[in-house]
Amino acid sequence: MSDAEASADDVLRELFAVIEDRKERLPADSYTASLFTHEKGENAALEKLGEEATEFLLAAKDGDEAELAHEGADIIYHMLVVLAQNDVDADALLDELESRR
């Protein structure tokens, strides 16, 4: 595994660990926790993922590299929230990606 691959793997695992922590602790001042507590609605994480996917597609259409990277990160973050919400862990995601190499 190259340094870049190890780094990406580490970033995803660290981000997922933070999301899992927010799910467990539900801090009042956490945006992530609000997605788990349904403060923003029962389907908040799903709706947000759909919104970010649309924004990603529009950024791709416009050819804006910076905006595309920003929206791509938003999609990955909200996708990880949905995975955590459904008790799918980071290893399952990474194993699936690895199997597609």
PDB file of N, CA and C in Angstrom:
ATOM      1  N   MET A   1       0.856  -1.180   0.000  1.00  0.00           N
ATOM      2  CA  MET A   1       0.000   0.000   0.000  1.00  0.00           C
ATOM      3  C   MET A   1       0.898   1.239   0.000  1.00  0.00           C
ATOM      4  N   SER A   2       0.631   2.167  -0.875  1.00  0.00           N
ATOM      5  CA  SER A   2       1.437   3.382  -0.963  1.00  0.00           C
ATOM      6  C   SER A   2       1.096   4.326   0.193  1.00  0.00           C
ATOM      7  N   ASP A   3       1.938   5.345   0.387  1.00  0.00           N
ATOM      8  CA  ASP A   3       1.676   6.346   1.429  1.00  0.00           C
ATOM      9  C   ASP A   3       0.358   7.055   1.190  1.00  0.00           C
ATOM     10  N   ALA A   4       0.042   7.343  -0.079  1.00  0.00           N
ATOM     11  CA  ALA A   4      -1.213   8.029  -0.399  1.00  0.00           C
ATOM     12  C   ALA A   4      -2.404   7.158  -0.039  1.00  0.00           C
ATOM     13  N   GLU A   5      -2.321   5.860  -0.322  1.00  0.00           N
ATOM     14  CA  GLU A   5      -3.416   4.956   0.022  1.00  0.00           C
ATOM     15  C   GLU A   5      -3.563   4.826   1.528  1.00  0.00           C
ATOM     16  N   ALA A   6      -2.446   4.701   2.223  1.00  0.00           N
ATOM     17  CA  ALA A   6      -2.497   4.599   3.680  1.00  0.00           C
ATOM     18  C   ALA A   6      -3.081   5.872   4.263  1.00  0.00           C
ATOM     19  N   SER A   7      -2.723   6.988   3.720  1.00  0.00           N
ATOM     20  CA  SER A   7      -3.230   8.268   4.207  1.00  0.00           C
ATOM     21  C   SER A   7      -4.738   8.375   4.004  1.00  0.00           C
ATOM     22  N   ALA A   8      -5.219   8.016   2.828  1.00  0.00           N
ATOM     23  CA  ALA A   8      -6.660   8.077   2.557  1.00  0.00           C
ATOM     24  C   ALA A   8      -7.410   7.130   3.475  1.00  0.00           C
ATOM     25  N   ASP A   9      -6.868   5.927   3.671  1.00  0.00           N
ATOM     26  CA  ASP A   9      -7.466   4.949   4.570  1.00  0.00           C
ATOM     27  C   ASP A   9      -7.524   5.505   5.988  1.00  0.00           C
ATOM     28  N   ASP A  10      -6.429   6.115   6.430  1.00  0.00           N
ATOM     29  CA  ASP A  10      -6.381   6.697   7.777  1.00  0.00           C
ATOM     30  C   ASP A  10      -7.396   7.823   7.939  1.00  0.00           C
ATOM     31  N   VAL A  11      -7.501   8.685   6.946  1.00  0.00           N
ATOM     32  CA  VAL A  11      -8.438   9.804   7.010  1.00  0.00           C
ATOM     33  C   VAL A  11      -9.870   9.286   7.111  1.00  0.00           C
ATOM     34  N   LEU A  12     -10.231   8.310   6.284  1.00  0.00           N
ATOM     35  CA  LEU A  12     -11.583   7.750   6.337  1.00  0.00           C
ATOM     36  C   LEU A  12     -11.856   7.105   7.694  1.00  0.00           C
ATOM     37  N   ARG A  13     -10.895   6.350   8.200  1.00  0.00           N
ATOM     38  CA  ARG A  13     -11.085   5.697   9.507  1.00  0.00           C
ATOM     39  C   ARG A  13     -11.214   6.728  10.632  1.00  0.00           C
ATOM     40  N   GLU A  14     -10.374   7.745  10.594  1.00  0.00           N
ATOM     41  CA  GLU A  14     -10.439   8.782  11.628  1.00  0.00           C
ATOM     42  C   GLU A  14     -11.761   9.539  11.569  1.00  0.00           C
ATOM     43  N   LEU A  15     -12.182   9.903  10.369  1.00  0.00           N
ATOM     44  CA  LEU A  15     -13.454  10.606  10.209  1.00  0.00           C
ATOM     45  C   LEU A  15     -14.603   9.726  10.688  1.00  0.00           C
ATOM     46  N   PHE A  16     -14.581   8.457  10.310  1.00  0.00           N
ATOM     47  CA  PHE A  16     -15.641   7.544  10.734  1.00  0.00           C
ATOM     48  C   PHE A  16     -15.643   7.392  12.258  1.00  0.00           C
ATOM     49  N   ALA A  17     -14.471   7.358  12.874  1.00  0.00           N
ATOM     50  CA  ALA A  17     -14.383   7.257  14.337  1.00  0.00           C
ATOM     51  C   ALA A  17     -15.017   8.473  15.005  1.00  0.00           C
ATOM     52  N   VAL A  18     -14.793   9.655  14.454  1.00  0.00           N
ATOM     53  CA  VAL A  18     -15.415  10.868  14.995  1.00  0.00           C
ATOM     54  C   VAL A  18     -16.935  10.788  14.846  1.00  0.00           C
ATOM     55  N   ILE A  19     -17.400  10.344  13.693  1.00  0.00           N
ATOM     56  CA  ILE A  19     -18.843  10.217  13.463  1.00  0.00           C
ATOM     57  C   ILE A  19     -19.443   9.222  14.448  1.00  0.00           C
ATOM     58  N   GLU A  20     -18.783   8.085  14.644  1.00  0.00           N
ATOM     59  CA  GLU A  20     -19.257   7.081  15.615  1.00  0.00           C
ATOM     60  C   GLU A  20     -19.283   7.659  17.029  1.00  0.00           C
ATOM     61  N   ASP A  21     -18.278   8.452  17.375  1.00  0.00           N
ATOM     62  CA  ASP A  21     -18.243   9.099  18.686  1.00  0.00           C
ATOM     63  C   ASP A  21     -19.426  10.044  18.869  1.00  0.00           C
ATOM     64  N   ARG A  22     -19.722  10.827  17.834  1.00  0.00           N
ATOM     65  CA  ARG A  22     -20.864  11.753  17.908  1.00  0.00           C
ATOM     66  C   ARG A  22     -22.178  10.974  18.034  1.00  0.00           C
ATOM     67  N   LYS A  23     -22.258   9.849  17.351  1.00  0.00           N
ATOM     68  CA  LYS A  23     -23.446   9.000  17.427  1.00  0.00           C
ATOM     69  C   LYS A  23     -23.633   8.473  18.856  1.00  0.00           C
ATOM     70  N   GLU A  24     -22.537   8.095  19.477  1.00  0.00           N
ATOM     71  CA  GLU A  24     -22.577   7.535  20.835  1.00  0.00           C
ATOM     72  C   GLU A  24     -22.850   8.606  21.893  1.00  0.00           C
ATOM     73  N   ARG A  25     -22.110   9.710  21.816  1.00  0.00           N
ATOM     74  CA  ARG A  25     -22.194  10.745  22.868  1.00  0.00           C
ATOM     75  C   ARG A  25     -23.309  11.763  22.654  1.00  0.00           C
ATOM     76  N   LEU A  26     -23.672  12.009  21.402  1.00  0.00           N
ATOM     77  CA  LEU A  26     -24.708  12.990  21.037  1.00  0.00           C
ATOM     78  C   LEU A  26     -24.514  14.358  21.700  1.00  0.00           C
ATOM     79  N   PRO A  27     -23.329  14.968  21.507  1.00  0.00           N
ATOM     80  CA  PRO A  27     -23.126  16.299  22.075  1.00  0.00           C
ATOM     81  C   PRO A  27     -24.116  17.311  21.491  1.00  0.00           C
ATOM     82  N   ALA A  28     -24.626  18.159  22.343  1.00  0.00           N
ATOM     83  CA  ALA A  28     -25.679  19.103  21.943  1.00  0.00           C
ATOM     84  C   ALA A  28     -25.219  20.075  20.859  1.00  0.00           C
ATOM     85  N   ASP A  29     -23.942  20.394  20.824  1.00  0.00           N
ATOM     86  CA  ASP A  29     -23.439  21.398  19.881  1.00  0.00           C
ATOM     87  C   ASP A  29     -22.873  20.779  18.596  1.00  0.00           C
ATOM     88  N   SER A  30     -23.185  19.509  18.326  1.00  0.00           N
ATOM     89  CA  SER A  30     -22.607  18.810  17.195  1.00  0.00           C
ATOM     90  C   SER A  30     -23.607  18.681  16.042  1.00  0.00           C
ATOM     91  N   TYR A  31     -23.202  19.168  14.877  1.00  0.00           N
ATOM     92  CA  TYR A  31     -24.009  19.002  13.675  1.00  0.00           C
ATOM     93  C   TYR A  31     -24.218  17.513  13.390  1.00  0.00           C
ATOM     94  N   THR A  32     -23.151  16.743  13.509  1.00  0.00           N
ATOM     95  CA  THR A  32     -23.245  15.313  13.245  1.00  0.00           C
ATOM     96  C   THR A  32     -24.252  14.659  14.181  1.00  0.00           C
ATOM     97  N   ALA A  33     -24.175  14.971  15.456  1.00  0.00           N
ATOM     98  CA  ALA A  33     -25.114  14.405  16.425  1.00  0.00           C
ATOM     99  C   ALA A  33     -26.547  14.772  16.070  1.00  0.00           C
ATOM    100  N   SER A  34     -26.753  15.975  15.556  1.00  0.00           N
ATOM    101  CA  SER A  34     -28.113  16.389  15.194  1.00  0.00           C
ATOM    102  C   SER A  34     -28.692  15.513  14.091  1.00  0.00           C
ATOM    103  N   LEU A  35     -27.826  14.950  13.249  1.00  0.00           N
ATOM    104  CA  LEU A  35     -28.300  14.050  12.201  1.00  0.00           C
ATOM    105  C   LEU A  35     -28.754  12.712  12.787  1.00  0.00           C
ATOM    106  N   PHE A  36     -28.163  12.314  13.906  1.00  0.00           N
ATOM    107  CA  PHE A  36     -28.538  11.059  14.563  1.00  0.00           C
ATOM    108  C   PHE A  36     -29.746  11.227  15.478  1.00  0.00           C
ATOM    109  N   THR A  37     -29.934  12.405  16.021  1.00  0.00           N
ATOM    110  CA  THR A  37     -31.024  12.608  16.979  1.00  0.00           C
ATOM    111  C   THR A  37     -32.306  13.029  16.295  1.00  0.00           C
ATOM    112  N   HIS A  38     -32.268  13.164  15.005  1.00  0.00           N
ATOM    113  CA  HIS A  38     -33.429  13.570  14.215  1.00  0.00           C
ATOM    114  C   HIS A  38     -33.876  14.990  14.552  1.00  0.00           C
ATOM    115  N   GLU A  39     -32.969  15.755  15.146  1.00  0.00           N
ATOM    116  CA  GLU A  39     -33.249  17.164  15.418  1.00  0.00           C
ATOM    117  C   GLU A  39     -33.625  17.887  14.124  1.00  0.00           C
ATOM    118  N   LYS A  40     -33.031  17.448  13.044  1.00  0.00           N
ATOM    119  CA  LYS A  40     -33.280  18.061  11.737  1.00  0.00           C
ATOM    120  C   LYS A  40     -34.292  17.253  10.920  1.00  0.00           C
ATOM    121  N   GLY A  41     -34.941  16.286  11.562  1.00  0.00           N
ATOM    122  CA  GLY A  41     -35.924  15.454  10.868  1.00  0.00           C
ATOM    123  C   GLY A  41     -35.478  14.016  10.795  1.00  0.00           C
ATOM    124  N   GLU A  42     -36.434  13.117  10.676  1.00  0.00           N
ATOM    125  CA  GLU A  42     -36.134  11.682  10.718  1.00  0.00           C
ATOM    126  C   GLU A  42     -35.181  11.240   9.620  1.00  0.00           C
ATOM    127  N   ASN A  43     -35.292  11.827   8.444  1.00  0.00           N
ATOM    128  CA  ASN A  43     -34.449  11.447   7.316  1.00  0.00           C
ATOM    129  C   ASN A  43     -33.370  12.490   7.017  1.00  0.00           C
ATOM    130  N   ALA A  44     -32.959  13.222   8.026  1.00  0.00           N
ATOM    131  CA  ALA A  44     -32.036  14.342   7.817  1.00  0.00           C
ATOM    132  C   ALA A  44     -30.761  13.925   7.098  1.00  0.00           C
ATOM    133  N   ALA A  45     -30.138  12.846   7.525  1.00  0.00           N
ATOM    134  CA  ALA A  45     -28.871  12.429   6.905  1.00  0.00           C
ATOM    135  C   ALA A  45     -29.092  12.007   5.459  1.00  0.00           C
ATOM    136  N   LEU A  46     -30.183  11.310   5.193  1.00  0.00           N
ATOM    137  CA  LEU A  46     -30.484  10.890   3.823  1.00  0.00           C
ATOM    138  C   LEU A  46     -30.768  12.089   2.925  1.00  0.00           C
ATOM    139  N   GLU A  47     -31.547  13.021   3.431  1.00  0.00           N
ATOM    140  CA  GLU A  47     -31.857  14.218   2.653  1.00  0.00           C
ATOM    141  C   GLU A  47     -30.594  15.024   2.373  1.00  0.00           C
ATOM    142  N   LYS A  48     -29.730  15.129   3.377  1.00  0.00           N
ATOM    143  CA  LYS A  48     -28.496  15.891   3.209  1.00  0.00           C
ATOM    144  C   LYS A  48     -27.585  15.208   2.187  1.00  0.00           C
ATOM    145  N   LEU A  49     -27.515  13.885   2.218  1.00  0.00           N
ATOM    146  CA  LEU A  49     -26.707  13.156   1.241  1.00  0.00           C
ATOM    147  C   LEU A  49     -27.221  13.411  -0.171  1.00  0.00           C
ATOM    148  N   GLY A  50     -28.530  13.386  -0.351  1.00  0.00           N
ATOM    149  CA  GLY A  50     -29.110  13.674  -1.661  1.00  0.00           C
ATOM    150  C   GLY A  50     -28.816  15.092  -2.114  1.00  0.00           C
ATOM    151  N   GLU A  51     -28.916  16.038  -1.201  1.00  0.00           N
ATOM    152  CA  GLU A  51     -28.621  17.442  -1.520  1.00  0.00           C
ATOM    153  C   GLU A  51     -27.172  17.598  -1.958  1.00  0.00           C
ATOM    154  N   GLU A  52     -26.271  16.969  -1.219  1.00  0.00           N
ATOM    155  CA  GLU A  52     -24.849  17.079  -1.555  1.00  0.00           C
ATOM    156  C   GLU A  52     -24.538  16.409  -2.889  1.00  0.00           C
ATOM    157  N   ALA A  53     -25.232  15.308  -3.197  1.00  0.00           N
ATOM    158  CA  ALA A  53     -25.025  14.641  -4.482  1.00  0.00           C
ATOM    159  C   ALA A  53     -25.413  15.565  -5.630  1.00  0.00           C
ATOM    160  N   THR A  54     -26.521  16.280  -5.463  1.00  0.00           N
ATOM    161  CA  THR A  54     -26.952  17.233  -6.491  1.00  0.00           C
ATOM    162  C   THR A  54     -25.927  18.343  -6.656  1.00  0.00           C
ATOM    163  N   GLU A  55     -25.430  18.870  -5.537  1.00  0.00           N
ATOM    164  CA  GLU A  55     -24.426  19.941  -5.595  1.00  0.00           C
ATOM    165  C   GLU A  55     -23.135  19.440  -6.246  1.00  0.00           C
ATOM    166  N   PHE A  56     -22.772  18.184  -5.985  1.00  0.00           N
ATOM    167  CA  PHE A  56     -21.591  17.590  -6.606  1.00  0.00           C
ATOM    168  C   PHE A  56     -21.764  17.504  -8.129  1.00  0.00           C
ATOM    169  N   LEU A  57     -22.928  17.057  -8.555  1.00  0.00           N
ATOM    170  CA  LEU A  57     -23.203  16.952  -9.994  1.00  0.00           C
ATOM    171  C   LEU A  57     -23.152  18.319 -10.678  1.00  0.00           C
ATOM    172  N   LEU A  58     -23.697  19.328 -10.026  1.00  0.00           N
ATOM    173  CA  LEU A  58     -23.667  20.674 -10.603  1.00  0.00           C
ATOM    174  C   LEU A  58     -22.244  21.211 -10.687  1.00  0.00           C
ATOM    175  N   ALA A  59     -21.436  20.939  -9.659  1.00  0.00           N
ATOM    176  CA  ALA A  59     -20.038  21.372  -9.686  1.00  0.00           C
ATOM    177  C   ALA A  59     -19.288  20.656 -10.805  1.00  0.00           C
ATOM    178  N   ALA A  60     -19.594  19.382 -11.015  1.00  0.00           N
ATOM    179  CA  ALA A  60     -18.944  18.627 -12.098  1.00  0.00           C
ATOM    180  C   ALA A  60     -19.343  19.202 -13.453  1.00  0.00           C
ATOM    181  N   LYS A  61     -20.608  19.532 -13.593  1.00  0.00           N
ATOM    182  CA  LYS A  61     -21.103  20.111 -14.843  1.00  0.00           C
ATOM    183  C   LYS A  61     -20.420  21.436 -15.133  1.00  0.00           C
ATOM    184  N   ASP A  62     -20.190  22.229 -14.078  1.00  0.00           N
ATOM    185  CA  ASP A  62     -19.562  23.538 -14.243  1.00  0.00           C
ATOM    186  C   ASP A  62     -18.048  23.454 -14.399  1.00  0.00           C
ATOM    187  N   GLY A  63     -17.470  22.295 -14.100  1.00  0.00           N
ATOM    188  CA  GLY A  63     -16.028  22.129 -14.239  1.00  0.00           C
ATOM    189  C   GLY A  63     -15.226  22.877 -13.190  1.00  0.00           C
ATOM    190  N   ASP A  64     -15.827  23.169 -12.055  1.00  0.00           N
ATOM    191  CA  ASP A  64     -15.152  23.909 -10.979  1.00  0.00           C
ATOM    192  C   ASP A  64     -14.441  22.912 -10.068  1.00  0.00           C
ATOM    193  N   GLU A  65     -13.127  22.771 -10.252  1.00  0.00           N
ATOM    194  CA  GLU A  65     -12.362  21.762  -9.521  1.00  0.00           C
ATOM    195  C   GLU A  65     -12.429  21.947  -8.010  1.00  0.00           C
ATOM    196  N   ALA A  66     -12.286  23.161  -7.529  1.00  0.00           N
ATOM    197  CA  ALA A  66     -12.313  23.411  -6.089  1.00  0.00           C
ATOM    198  C   ALA A  66     -13.682  23.078  -5.507  1.00  0.00           C
ATOM    199  N   GLU A  67     -14.726  23.493  -6.198  1.00  0.00           N
ATOM    200  CA  GLU A  67     -16.083  23.217  -5.722  1.00  0.00           C
ATOM    201  C   GLU A  67     -16.390  21.721  -5.810  1.00  0.00           C
ATOM    202  N   LEU A  68     -15.873  21.078  -6.836  1.00  0.00           N
ATOM    203  CA  LEU A  68     -16.070  19.640  -6.996  1.00  0.00           C
ATOM    204  C   LEU A  68     -15.412  18.878  -5.837  1.00  0.00           C
ATOM    205  N   ALA A  69     -14.216  19.263  -5.462  1.00  0.00           N
ATOM    206  CA  ALA A  69     -13.538  18.626  -4.319  1.00  0.00           C
ATOM    207  C   ALA A  69     -14.317  18.878  -3.030  1.00  0.00           C
ATOM    208  N   HIS A  70     -14.792  20.111  -2.856  1.00  0.00           N
ATOM    209  CA  HIS A  70     -15.573  20.471  -1.663  1.00  0.00           C
ATOM    210  C   HIS A  70     -16.844  19.634  -1.567  1.00  0.00           C
ATOM    211  N   GLU A  71     -17.583  19.562  -2.648  1.00  0.00           N
ATOM    212  CA  GLU A  71     -18.840  18.812  -2.648  1.00  0.00           C
ATOM    213  C   GLU A  71     -18.595  17.306  -2.555  1.00  0.00           C
ATOM    214  N   GLY A  72     -17.494  16.846  -3.141  1.00  0.00           N
ATOM    215  CA  GLY A  72     -17.133  15.432  -3.006  1.00  0.00           C
ATOM    216  C   GLY A  72     -16.870  15.065  -1.556  1.00  0.00           C
ATOM    217  N   ALA A  73     -16.178  15.950  -0.843  1.00  0.00           N
ATOM    218  CA  ALA A  73     -15.933  15.716   0.582  1.00  0.00           C
ATOM    219  C   ALA A  73     -17.247  15.709   1.364  1.00  0.00           C
ATOM    220  N   ASP A  74     -18.157  16.600   1.001  1.00  0.00           N
ATOM    221  CA  ASP A  74     -19.471  16.620   1.659  1.00  0.00           C
ATOM    222  C   ASP A  74     -20.221  15.307   1.442  1.00  0.00           C
ATOM    223  N   ILE A  75     -20.161  14.780   0.220  1.00  0.00           N
ATOM    224  CA  ILE A  75     -20.826  13.503  -0.066  1.00  0.00           C
ATOM    225  C   ILE A  75     -20.220  12.391   0.780  1.00  0.00           C
ATOM    226  N   ILE A  76     -18.915  12.314   0.815  1.00  0.00           N
ATOM    227  CA  ILE A  76     -18.261  11.249   1.583  1.00  0.00           C
ATOM    228  C   ILE A  76     -18.619  11.355   3.054  1.00  0.00           C
ATOM    229  N   TYR A  77     -18.574  12.559   3.603  1.00  0.00           N
ATOM    230  CA  TYR A  77     -18.927  12.756   5.013  1.00  0.00           C
ATOM    231  C   TYR A  77     -20.361  12.287   5.290  1.00  0.00           C
ATOM    232  N   HIS A  78     -21.311  12.760   4.497  1.00  0.00           N
ATOM    233  CA  HIS A  78     -22.712  12.398   4.740  1.00  0.00           C
ATOM    234  C   HIS A  78     -22.977  10.921   4.451  1.00  0.00           C
ATOM    235  N   MET A  79     -22.246  10.335   3.514  1.00  0.00           N
ATOM    236  CA  MET A  79     -22.360   8.904   3.265  1.00  0.00           C
ATOM    237  C   MET A  79     -21.893   8.122   4.491  1.00  0.00           C
ATOM    238  N   LEU A  80     -20.798   8.565   5.111  1.00  0.00           N
ATOM    239  CA  LEU A  80     -20.309   7.904   6.315  1.00  0.00           C
ATOM    240  C   LEU A  80     -21.307   8.032   7.459  1.00  0.00           C
ATOM    241  N   VAL A  81     -21.972   9.169   7.559  1.00  0.00           N
ATOM    242  CA  VAL A  81     -23.010   9.332   8.579  1.00  0.00           C
ATOM    243  C   VAL A  81     -24.132   8.321   8.345  1.00  0.00           C
ATOM    244  N   VAL A  82     -24.572   8.176   7.107  1.00  0.00           N
ATOM    245  CA  VAL A  82     -25.645   7.224   6.796  1.00  0.00           C
ATOM    246  C   VAL A  82     -25.189   5.795   7.088  1.00  0.00           C
ATOM    247  N   LEU A  83     -23.940   5.474   6.766  1.00  0.00           N
ATOM    248  CA  LEU A  83     -23.428   4.137   7.089  1.00  0.00           C
ATOM    249  C   LEU A  83     -23.450   3.913   8.600  1.00  0.00           C
ATOM    250  N   ALA A  84     -22.971   4.881   9.362  1.00  0.00           N
ATOM    251  CA  ALA A  84     -22.967   4.757  10.822  1.00  0.00           C
ATOM    252  C   ALA A  84     -24.383   4.647  11.361  1.00  0.00           C
ATOM    253  N   GLN A  85     -25.282   5.410  10.795  1.00  0.00           N
ATOM    254  CA  GLN A  85     -26.682   5.386  11.217  1.00  0.00           C
ATOM    255  C   GLN A  85     -27.273   3.985  11.039  1.00  0.00           C
ATOM    256  N   ASN A  86     -26.773   3.269  10.044  1.00  0.00           N
ATOM    257  CA  ASN A  86     -27.262   1.929   9.735  1.00  0.00           C
ATOM    258  C   ASN A  86     -26.332   0.828  10.260  1.00  0.00           C
ATOM    259  N   ASP A  87     -25.446   1.200  11.182  1.00  0.00           N
ATOM    260  CA  ASP A  87     -24.528   0.263  11.843  1.00  0.00           C
ATOM    261  C   ASP A  87     -23.623  -0.500  10.881  1.00  0.00           C
ATOM    262  N   VAL A  88     -23.240   0.155   9.793  1.00  0.00           N
ATOM    263  CA  VAL A  88     -22.253  -0.398   8.867  1.00  0.00           C
ATOM    264  C   VAL A  88     -20.934   0.270   9.223  1.00  0.00           C
ATOM    265  N   ASP A  89     -19.917  -0.525   9.544  1.00  0.00           N
ATOM    266  CA  ASP A  89     -18.669   0.089   9.984  1.00  0.00           C
ATOM    267  C   ASP A  89     -17.721   0.397   8.834  1.00  0.00           C
ATOM    268  N   ALA A  90     -16.705   1.157   9.141  1.00  0.00           N
ATOM    269  CA  ALA A  90     -15.744   1.601   8.130  1.00  0.00           C
ATOM    270  C   ALA A  90     -15.044   0.420   7.475  1.00  0.00           C
ATOM    271  N   ASP A  91     -14.776  -0.636   8.247  1.00  0.00           N
ATOM    272  CA  ASP A  91     -14.098  -1.798   7.671  1.00  0.00           C
ATOM    273  C   ASP A  91     -14.925  -2.427   6.552  1.00  0.00           C
ATOM    274  N   ALA A  92     -16.232  -2.478   6.720  1.00  0.00           N
ATOM    275  CA  ALA A  92     -17.092  -3.055   5.681  1.00  0.00           C
ATOM    276  C   ALA A  92     -16.981  -2.246   4.394  1.00  0.00           C
ATOM    277  N   LEU A  93     -16.987  -0.922   4.531  1.00  0.00           N
ATOM    278  CA  LEU A  93     -16.846  -0.054   3.363  1.00  0.00           C
ATOM    279  C   LEU A  93     -15.480  -0.245   2.708  1.00  0.00           C
ATOM    280  N   LEU A  94     -14.433  -0.189   3.513  1.00  0.00           N
ATOM    281  CA  LEU A  94     -13.078  -0.308   2.970  1.00  0.00           C
ATOM    282  C   LEU A  94     -12.833  -1.697   2.367  1.00  0.00           C
ATOM    283  N   ASP A  95     -13.376  -2.745   2.993  1.00  0.00           N
ATOM    284  CA  ASP A  95     -13.251  -4.084   2.429  1.00  0.00           C
ATOM    285  C   ASP A  95     -13.938  -4.178   1.074  1.00  0.00           C
ATOM    286  N   GLU A  96     -15.113  -3.565   0.976  1.00  0.00           N
ATOM    287  CA  GLU A  96     -15.841  -3.577  -0.301  1.00  0.00           C
ATOM    288  C   GLU A  96     -15.051  -2.829  -1.382  1.00  0.00           C
ATOM    289  N   LEU A  97     -14.492  -1.686  -1.022  1.00  0.00           N
ATOM    290  CA  LEU A  97     -13.685  -0.948  -1.979  1.00  0.00           C
ATOM    291  C   LEU A  97     -12.462  -1.757  -2.402  1.00  0.00           C
ATOM    292  N   GLU A  98     -11.824  -2.406  -1.436  1.00  0.00           N
ATOM    293  CA  GLU A  98     -10.646  -3.228  -1.718  1.00  0.00           C
ATOM    294  C   GLU A  98     -11.004  -4.363  -2.677  1.00  0.00           C
ATOM    295  N   SER A  99     -12.176  -4.954  -2.504  1.00  0.00           N
ATOM    296  CA  SER A  99     -12.567  -6.069  -3.366  1.00  0.00           C
ATOM    297  C   SER A  99     -12.801  -5.633  -4.812  1.00  0.00           C
ATOM    298  N   ARG A 100     -12.936  -4.344  -5.026  1.00  0.00           N
ATOM    299  CA  ARG A 100     -13.187  -3.826  -6.375  1.00  0.00           C
ATOM    300  C   ARG A 100     -11.932  -3.388  -7.088  1.00  0.00           C
ATOM    301  N   ARG A 101     -10.785  -3.532  -6.463  1.00  0.00           N
ATOM    302  CA  ARG A 101      -9.530  -3.118  -7.089  1.00  0.00           C
ATOM    303  C   ARG A 101      -9.190  -3.986  -8.258  1.00  0.00           C
TER     304      ARG A 101
END
